[in-house]
C-alpha cells in the first residue's frame, strides 16, 4: 500500500510531482516536449491545447494547487486533487487546474501506472 491507502506503488508526492511536470509542459505549448516527456502524440497534444484554450485566456499560467493543500478535503468539498484506484489498479487523478494561482473550472483527468520503478502518465481528458 502507498501513502494514500491504495495498492498502487505510486506515492502522493510522486503523483503530485509528475502531474505538476505535465501541467508545466502543457504551459510550454510545445507539442515536441509533450512527446519527449510523456509520449503524447501530436494529435493528442493538439486536443490538450484546444481544451486549454476553451477554458483559459491565452497567456494564462496553469498549475496545480500548492502541494500542501492539494489533497485536503474541506467541509464536504472535493480536494483539488482527487486520487482513486482504477479497475486496472492504476492510479486515477482528477486535478482542478489553477489559472494564474486561482482554482478554475477545468479538471485534468489522468492515470498513473508504475512498472520497474518508472511512473507512466496516461492523459485522459480535460473537462469540467
Protein backbone atom coordinates (compact mmCIF):
# COMPACT_ATOMS: atom_id res chain seq x y z
CA UNK A 1 0.00 0.00 0.00
CA UNK A 2 1.19 3.53 -0.75
CA UNK A 3 0.75 6.59 1.45
CA UNK A 4 -2.75 7.03 0.03
CA UNK A 5 -4.01 3.74 1.39
CA UNK A 6 -4.24 2.39 -2.18
CA UNK A 7 -2.50 -0.64 -3.65
CA UNK A 8 -0.74 1.50 -6.27
CA UNK A 9 3.04 1.76 -5.81
CA UNK A 10 2.86 5.48 -6.68
CA UNK A 11 3.08 7.81 -3.65
CA UNK A 12 1.16 11.04 -3.26
CA UNK A 13 4.39 13.04 -3.61
CA UNK A 14 5.35 11.19 -6.81
CA UNK A 15 1.87 11.65 -8.26
CA UNK A 16 1.94 15.38 -7.49
CA UNK A 17 5.44 15.85 -8.95
CA UNK A 18 4.75 14.11 -12.26
CA UNK A 19 1.35 15.79 -12.64
CA UNK A 20 2.86 19.24 -12.00
CA UNK A 21 5.59 18.47 -14.54
CA UNK A 22 2.86 17.54 -17.05
CA UNK A 23 0.97 20.80 -16.39
CA UNK A 24 4.23 22.76 -16.70
CA UNK A 25 4.85 21.06 -20.05
CA UNK A 26 1.32 21.92 -21.22
CA UNK A 27 2.11 25.56 -20.33
CA UNK A 28 5.04 25.49 -22.77
CA UNK A 29 2.61 24.88 -25.64
CA UNK A 30 5.31 22.65 -27.09
CA UNK A 31 4.00 19.55 -28.84
CA UNK A 32 7.50 18.08 -29.10
CA UNK A 33 8.07 18.47 -25.33
CA UNK A 34 4.80 16.61 -24.62
CA UNK A 35 6.01 13.81 -26.89
CA UNK A 36 9.51 13.63 -25.41
CA UNK A 37 8.46 13.86 -21.75
CA UNK A 38 5.17 11.95 -21.76
CA UNK A 39 4.79 10.13 -25.09
CA UNK A 40 1.83 12.35 -26.05
CA UNK A 41 1.18 12.19 -29.81
CA UNK A 42 0.82 15.35 -31.92
CA UNK A 43 -2.93 14.76 -32.29
CA UNK A 44 -3.47 14.39 -28.54
CA UNK A 45 -1.23 17.41 -27.85
CA UNK A 46 -3.43 19.47 -30.17
CA UNK A 47 -6.52 18.20 -28.30
CA UNK A 48 -4.93 19.24 -24.99
CA UNK A 49 -4.14 22.72 -26.31
CA UNK A 50 -7.66 23.12 -27.71
CA UNK A 51 -9.16 22.10 -24.36
CA UNK A 52 -6.95 24.57 -22.50
CA UNK A 53 -7.98 27.32 -24.94
CA UNK A 54 -11.66 26.58 -24.26
CA UNK A 55 -11.23 27.17 -20.52
CA UNK A 56 -8.49 29.77 -20.25
CA UNK A 57 -7.43 33.00 -21.89
CA UNK A 58 -4.22 32.96 -23.88
CA UNK A 59 -1.19 33.52 -21.66
CA UNK A 60 -2.82 32.07 -18.52
CA UNK A 61 -0.28 30.26 -16.32
CA UNK A 62 -1.68 26.85 -15.42
CA UNK A 63 -0.68 24.99 -12.27
CA UNK A 64 -1.93 22.64 -9.61
CA UNK A 65 -2.98 23.61 -6.10
CA UNK A 66 0.01 24.02 -3.79
CA UNK A 67 1.05 20.53 -2.70
CA UNK A 68 0.37 21.21 0.99
CA UNK A 69 -3.33 21.89 0.18
CA UNK A 70 -3.85 19.77 -2.94
CA UNK A 71 -5.26 16.69 -1.19
CA UNK A 72 -7.17 18.38 1.65
CA UNK A 73 -10.90 17.77 1.92
CA UNK A 74 -12.62 20.91 3.13
CA UNK A 75 -16.08 20.64 4.61
CA UNK A 76 -17.63 18.11 2.24
CA UNK A 77 -15.97 19.57 -0.84
CA UNK A 78 -13.73 17.54 -3.06
CA UNK A 79 -9.97 18.04 -2.81
CA UNK A 80 -8.14 19.98 -5.52
CA UNK A 81 -6.56 16.65 -6.49
CA UNK A 82 -8.75 13.58 -6.03
CA UNK A 83 -6.96 10.22 -6.27
CA UNK A 84 -8.53 6.80 -6.68
CA UNK A 85 -7.62 3.32 -7.79
CA UNK A 86 -8.91 2.36 -11.23
CA UNK A 87 -10.24 -1.08 -12.23
CA UNK A 88 -6.85 -1.99 -13.71
CA UNK A 89 -5.09 -0.97 -10.47
CA UNK A 90 -3.52 2.19 -11.87
CA UNK A 91 -3.92 5.47 -10.00
CA UNK A 92 -6.58 7.86 -11.32
CA UNK A 93 -6.31 11.58 -10.66
CA UNK A 94 -8.84 14.37 -11.14
CA UNK A 95 -6.96 17.65 -10.77
CA UNK A 96 -8.58 21.07 -10.65
CA UNK A 97 -6.38 23.28 -12.80
CA UNK A 98 -5.36 26.60 -11.34
CA UNK A 99 -5.23 29.69 -13.56
CA UNK A 100 -2.69 32.29 -12.50
CA UNK A 101 -2.74 30.85 -8.98
CA UNK A 102 -6.52 30.53 -8.53
CA UNK A 103 -8.72 27.45 -8.98
CA UNK A 104 -10.52 27.28 -12.31
CA UNK A 105 -13.38 25.12 -13.52
CA UNK A 106 -11.29 22.85 -15.75
CA UNK A 107 -10.37 19.43 -14.39
CA UNK A 108 -7.45 17.43 -15.72
CA UNK A 109 -8.13 13.68 -15.79
CA UNK A 110 -5.08 11.41 -15.91
CA UNK A 111 -3.97 7.97 -14.80
CA UNK A 112 -0.58 6.94 -13.46
CA UNK A 113 0.88 3.46 -13.59
CA UNK A 114 4.20 2.16 -12.36
CA UNK A 115 6.39 -0.65 -13.60
CA UNK A 116 10.03 -1.39 -12.88
CA UNK A 117 10.33 1.81 -10.85
CA UNK A 118 9.14 4.05 -13.69
CA UNK A 119 5.90 6.04 -13.43
CA UNK A 120 3.94 6.45 -16.65
CA UNK A 121 1.36 9.24 -17.06
CA UNK A 122 -1.68 8.49 -19.25
CA UNK A 123 -3.66 11.58 -20.30
CA UNK A 124 -7.43 11.06 -20.34
CA UNK A 125 -9.07 14.47 -20.95
CA UNK A 126 -9.69 17.97 -19.63
CA UNK A 127 -13.31 18.65 -18.68
CA UNK A 128 -15.42 20.34 -16.06
